[in-house]
Amino acid sequence: MLIERLLKVALLGSSWILYLLLLLSIISISTMVERFLYFRKRSGNGPELHRQLAKLLDKDDLDAAAKLLEKSPALEASIAREALRWAASGPEAMSDAVDSALALAKKELERGLNFLGTVGNNAPFVGLFGTVLGVIMAFSALGANGQNSSAMGGVMSAIAESLVATGVGLFVALPAVVAYNVIQKRIGEVETNSLALTKLISAYLKAGHAAIAHEASERVQRETTDERREPESKGHVEVAGVA
């Protein structure tokens, strides 16, 4: 009884599997494009940024270092600027601040990554499921027609069409796997460059420049506070104008 009901479901066909794979492909490609634009907008030359920051730290010019990190669009620069902002509190506090900034950045960096990994791992199995449904339909038609040789061509054609689902599943999975690996590599580069910049600032503090770092850190904190207050002040002015 149960097998007969499952057979009726299987005989509905495998076309819906192809539509599902098409939907997954569209979402996957959209995720890839979004991630590409995200990393392109926030990319930078990590080694060059490290070299320029080291040169400014050698000159004890922390104001210029803060401006350098602020102007850079790279994600590593924003994390290093957070390290510089907490430099006055000591290396341990700075390390905690960097870990916090990295944790927040990692959530944004890994957005869409789980979906790509899931599609890459499971799309071939979805396609294989469509092939199984197609083969079930073909053998069901073969059993219904018996030894009718004229129907054999249709059965073989149905089997060939069912194999298309496996091919489509692989076609959907391969780009997702490649994109997943590329994004993982990019995330690793961001983390490595961020740690390199923060270790450079930490070494600067341990070399006996804590007093200079304290003054620069206070200026960076004031600038950060002013930047956060600007939108609020503009909002108050607009409300006052409407009133």
Protein backbone atom coordinates (compact mmCIF):
# COMPACT_ATOMS: atom_id res chain seq x y z
CA MET A 1 0.00 0.00 0.00
CA LEU A 2 2.72 2.42 1.00
CA ILE A 3 4.89 1.43 -1.96
CA GLU A 4 2.00 2.03 -4.37
CA ARG A 5 1.47 5.53 -2.99
CA LEU A 6 5.16 6.34 -3.23
CA LEU A 7 5.14 5.01 -6.78
CA LYS A 8 2.30 7.36 -7.66
CA VAL A 9 4.32 10.26 -6.30
CA ALA A 10 7.40 9.16 -8.26
CA LEU A 11 5.37 8.90 -11.46
CA LEU A 12 4.52 12.59 -11.21
CA GLY A 13 7.82 13.12 -13.01
CA SER A 14 11.20 14.72 -12.46
CA SER A 15 10.58 18.04 -14.19
CA TRP A 16 10.09 19.80 -10.87
CA ILE A 17 13.63 18.73 -9.89
CA LEU A 18 15.01 20.66 -12.86
CA TYR A 19 13.01 23.75 -11.86
CA LEU A 20 14.35 23.42 -8.32
CA LEU A 21 17.90 23.19 -9.61
CA LEU A 22 17.29 26.21 -11.81
CA LEU A 23 16.08 28.19 -8.78
CA LEU A 24 19.10 27.12 -6.74
CA SER A 25 21.38 28.12 -9.61
CA ILE A 26 19.84 31.61 -9.82
CA ILE A 27 20.18 32.17 -6.06
CA SER A 28 23.71 30.79 -6.10
CA ILE A 29 24.82 33.07 -8.93
CA SER A 30 23.20 36.06 -7.20
CA THR A 31 25.12 35.24 -4.02
CA MET A 32 28.38 34.96 -5.96
CA VAL A 33 27.86 38.34 -7.64
CA GLU A 34 26.97 40.00 -4.32
CA ARG A 35 30.07 38.56 -2.62
CA PHE A 36 32.27 39.60 -5.55
CA LEU A 37 31.03 43.20 -5.38
CA TYR A 38 31.37 43.22 -1.58
CA PHE A 39 35.01 42.10 -1.59
CA ARG A 40 35.86 44.29 -4.56
CA LYS A 41 34.52 47.39 -2.78
CA ARG A 42 36.46 46.57 0.39
CA SER A 43 39.67 45.30 -1.15
CA GLY A 44 43.09 46.81 -0.64
CA ASN A 45 46.78 46.11 -0.95
CA GLY A 46 47.52 44.44 2.37
CA PRO A 47 51.33 44.30 2.11
CA GLU A 48 51.50 47.92 0.91
CA LEU A 49 49.23 49.07 3.76
CA HIS A 50 51.44 47.20 6.21
CA ARG A 51 54.55 48.85 4.79
CA GLN A 52 53.08 52.37 4.96
CA LEU A 53 51.80 51.84 8.50
CA ALA A 54 55.20 50.57 9.64
CA LYS A 55 56.88 53.63 8.14
CA LEU A 56 54.51 56.00 9.98
CA LEU A 57 54.93 54.14 13.26
CA ASP A 58 58.70 54.42 12.92
CA LYS A 59 58.20 58.20 12.73
CA ASP A 60 55.83 58.16 15.76
CA ASP A 61 53.24 59.80 13.50
CA LEU A 62 50.14 58.09 14.83
CA ASP A 63 47.80 60.80 13.54
CA ALA A 64 48.92 60.09 10.00
CA ALA A 65 48.63 56.36 10.71
CA ALA A 66 45.04 56.80 11.86
CA LYS A 67 44.22 58.83 8.74
CA LEU A 68 45.88 56.19 6.56
CA LEU A 69 43.73 53.47 8.06
CA GLU A 70 40.61 55.64 7.86
CA LYS A 71 41.07 56.39 4.16
CA SER A 72 41.77 52.79 3.17
CA PRO A 73 38.65 50.89 1.98
CA ALA A 74 40.16 47.56 3.05
CA LEU A 75 38.47 45.61 5.83
CA GLU A 76 41.85 45.07 7.43
CA ALA A 77 42.27 48.82 7.83
CA SER A 78 39.03 49.21 9.81
CA ILE A 79 40.10 46.45 12.20
CA ALA A 80 43.57 47.96 12.59
CA ARG A 81 42.00 51.36 13.28
CA GLU A 82 40.00 49.74 16.06
CA ALA A 83 43.28 48.43 17.47
CA LEU A 84 44.78 51.90 17.33
CA ARG A 85 41.72 53.32 19.09
CA TRP A 86 42.25 50.95 22.02
CA ALA A 87 46.04 51.23 22.05
CA ALA A 88 46.02 53.48 25.10
CA SER A 89 44.47 50.73 27.23
CA GLY A 90 47.38 48.37 26.66
CA PRO A 91 48.09 45.36 24.46
CA GLU A 92 45.62 43.04 26.21
CA ALA A 93 42.69 45.43 25.85
CA MET A 94 43.70 46.10 22.28
CA SER A 95 43.80 42.37 21.56
CA ASP A 96 40.28 41.93 22.96
CA ALA A 97 39.05 44.85 20.85
CA VAL A 98 40.60 43.32 17.74
CA ASP A 99 38.99 39.96 18.49
CA SER A 100 35.64 41.70 18.88
CA ALA A 101 36.04 43.61 15.62
CA LEU A 102 37.10 40.44 13.79
CA ALA A 103 34.09 38.55 15.14
CA LEU A 104 31.72 41.23 13.87
CA ALA A 105 33.49 41.44 10.53
CA LYS A 106 33.47 37.67 10.13
CA LYS A 107 29.68 37.56 10.27
CA GLU A 108 29.58 39.93 7.31
CA LEU A 109 32.41 38.15 5.50
CA GLU A 110 30.72 34.75 5.75
CA ARG A 111 27.29 35.93 4.62
CA GLY A 112 25.97 33.53 1.98
CA LEU A 113 28.84 31.12 2.50
CA ASN A 114 26.71 28.42 4.13
CA PHE A 115 24.27 28.53 1.23
CA LEU A 116 27.03 28.10 -1.34
CA GLY A 117 28.49 25.21 0.62
CA THR A 118 25.08 23.55 0.92
CA VAL A 119 24.37 23.91 -2.81
CA GLY A 120 27.83 22.67 -3.72
CA ASN A 121 27.49 19.57 -1.56
CA ASN A 122 23.87 18.65 -2.25
CA ALA A 123 22.98 19.80 -5.79
CA PRO A 124 24.44 16.59 -7.34
CA PHE A 125 22.25 14.50 -5.03
CA VAL A 126 19.18 16.54 -5.98
CA GLY A 127 20.01 15.89 -9.63
CA LEU A 128 20.54 12.19 -8.89
CA PHE A 129 17.12 12.10 -7.23
CA GLY A 130 15.62 13.49 -10.44
CA THR A 131 17.41 10.78 -12.43
CA VAL A 132 16.01 8.08 -10.13
CA LEU A 133 12.48 9.43 -10.63
CA GLY A 134 13.00 9.47 -14.38
CA VAL A 135 14.24 5.86 -14.41
CA ILE A 136 11.25 4.79 -12.31
CA MET A 137 8.94 6.39 -14.84
CA ALA A 138 10.77 4.72 -17.73
CA PHE A 139 10.57 1.24 -16.22
CA SER A 140 6.94 1.80 -15.28
CA ALA A 141 6.18 2.64 -18.91
CA LEU A 142 8.19 -0.40 -20.01
CA GLY A 143 6.15 -2.66 -17.73
CA ALA A 144 2.89 -1.19 -18.95
CA ASN A 145 3.77 -1.72 -22.61
CA GLY A 146 5.13 -5.24 -22.12
CA GLN A 147 6.94 -6.58 -25.15
CA ASN A 148 5.73 -3.79 -27.43
CA SER A 149 8.90 -2.99 -29.36
CA SER A 150 7.49 0.27 -30.68
CA ALA A 151 7.40 1.64 -27.13
CA MET A 152 11.05 0.82 -26.41
CA GLY A 153 12.25 3.96 -28.15
CA GLY A 154 10.14 6.12 -25.87
CA VAL A 155 11.43 4.27 -22.80
CA MET A 156 15.07 4.73 -23.81
CA SER A 157 14.39 8.40 -24.54
CA ALA A 158 12.88 8.82 -21.08
CA ILE A 159 15.96 7.24 -19.48
CA ALA A 160 18.24 9.56 -21.44
CA GLU A 161 16.21 12.59 -20.39
CA SER A 162 16.33 11.49 -16.74
CA LEU A 163 20.13 11.55 -16.84
CA VAL A 164 19.96 15.25 -17.67
CA ALA A 165 18.99 15.94 -14.06
CA THR A 166 22.31 14.54 -12.81
CA GLY A 167 24.21 16.67 -15.30
CA VAL A 168 22.30 19.78 -14.27
CA GLY A 169 22.98 19.02 -10.61
CA LEU A 170 26.70 18.86 -11.28
CA PHE A 171 26.51 22.04 -13.36
CA VAL A 172 24.87 23.86 -10.44
CA ALA A 173 27.25 22.44 -7.83
CA LEU A 174 30.63 23.10 -9.46
CA PRO A 175 30.45 26.95 -9.55
CA ALA A 176 29.12 26.98 -5.98
CA VAL A 177 32.06 24.87 -4.77
CA VAL A 178 34.56 27.09 -6.59
CA ALA A 179 32.98 30.26 -5.17
CA TYR A 180 32.93 28.75 -1.68
CA ASN A 181 36.65 27.99 -1.82
CA VAL A 182 37.51 31.42 -3.25
CA ILE A 183 35.54 33.21 -0.53
CA GLN A 184 37.13 31.06 2.17
CA LYS A 185 40.55 31.98 0.82
CA ARG A 186 39.63 35.69 0.78
CA ILE A 187 38.39 35.53 4.38
CA GLY A 188 41.65 33.91 5.41
CA GLU A 189 43.60 36.70 3.71
CA VAL A 190 41.56 39.36 5.52
CA GLU A 191 42.17 37.70 8.89
CA THR A 192 45.89 37.27 8.20
CA ASN A 193 46.36 40.88 7.07
CA SER A 194 44.33 42.18 10.02
CA LEU A 195 46.43 40.24 12.50
CA ALA A 196 49.62 41.44 10.80
CA LEU A 197 48.56 45.09 11.16
CA THR A 198 47.43 44.72 14.78
CA LYS A 199 50.61 42.84 15.71
CA LEU A 200 52.57 45.74 14.23
CA ILE A 201 50.70 48.20 16.44
CA SER A 202 51.16 45.91 19.44
CA ALA A 203 54.90 45.73 18.78
CA TYR A 204 54.98 49.53 18.61
CA LEU A 205 53.38 49.72 22.06
CA LYS A 206 55.72 47.14 23.56
CA ALA A 207 58.70 49.07 22.21
CA GLY A 208 57.98 51.85 24.71
CA HIS A 209 55.74 54.23 22.78
CA ALA A 210 52.72 53.86 25.06
CA ALA A 211 52.55 57.57 25.95
CA ILE A 212 52.44 58.67 22.33
CA ALA A 213 49.93 55.94 21.57
CA HIS A 214 47.78 57.12 24.48
CA GLU A 215 47.49 60.64 23.05
CA ALA A 216 46.78 59.37 19.54
CA SER A 217 44.24 56.86 20.85
CA GLU A 218 42.34 59.60 22.65
CA ARG A 219 42.21 61.67 19.46
CA VAL A 220 40.95 58.68 17.48
CA GLN A 221 38.29 58.01 20.09
CA ARG A 222 37.17 61.64 20.00
CA GLU A 223 36.99 61.56 16.20
CA THR A 224 35.00 58.33 16.29
CA THR A 225 32.61 59.81 18.86
CA ASP A 226 32.16 62.97 16.77
CA GLU A 227 31.44 60.87 13.66
CA ARG A 228 28.75 58.98 15.52
CA ARG A 229 27.19 62.17 16.88
CA GLU A 230 27.02 63.96 13.52
CA PRO A 231 23.99 62.02 12.20
CA GLU A 232 22.18 62.58 15.51
CA SER A 233 22.84 66.33 15.44
CA LYS A 234 21.65 66.54 11.85
CA GLY A 235 18.49 64.71 12.83
CA HIS A 236 17.85 67.22 15.67
CA VAL A 237 18.34 70.13 13.31
CA GLU A 238 15.89 68.69 10.78
CA VAL A 239 13.29 68.09 13.49
CA ALA A 240 13.75 71.63 14.78
CA GLY A 241 13.33 72.97 11.26
CA VAL A 242 10.09 71.07 10.76
CA ALA A 243 8.81 72.28 14.11
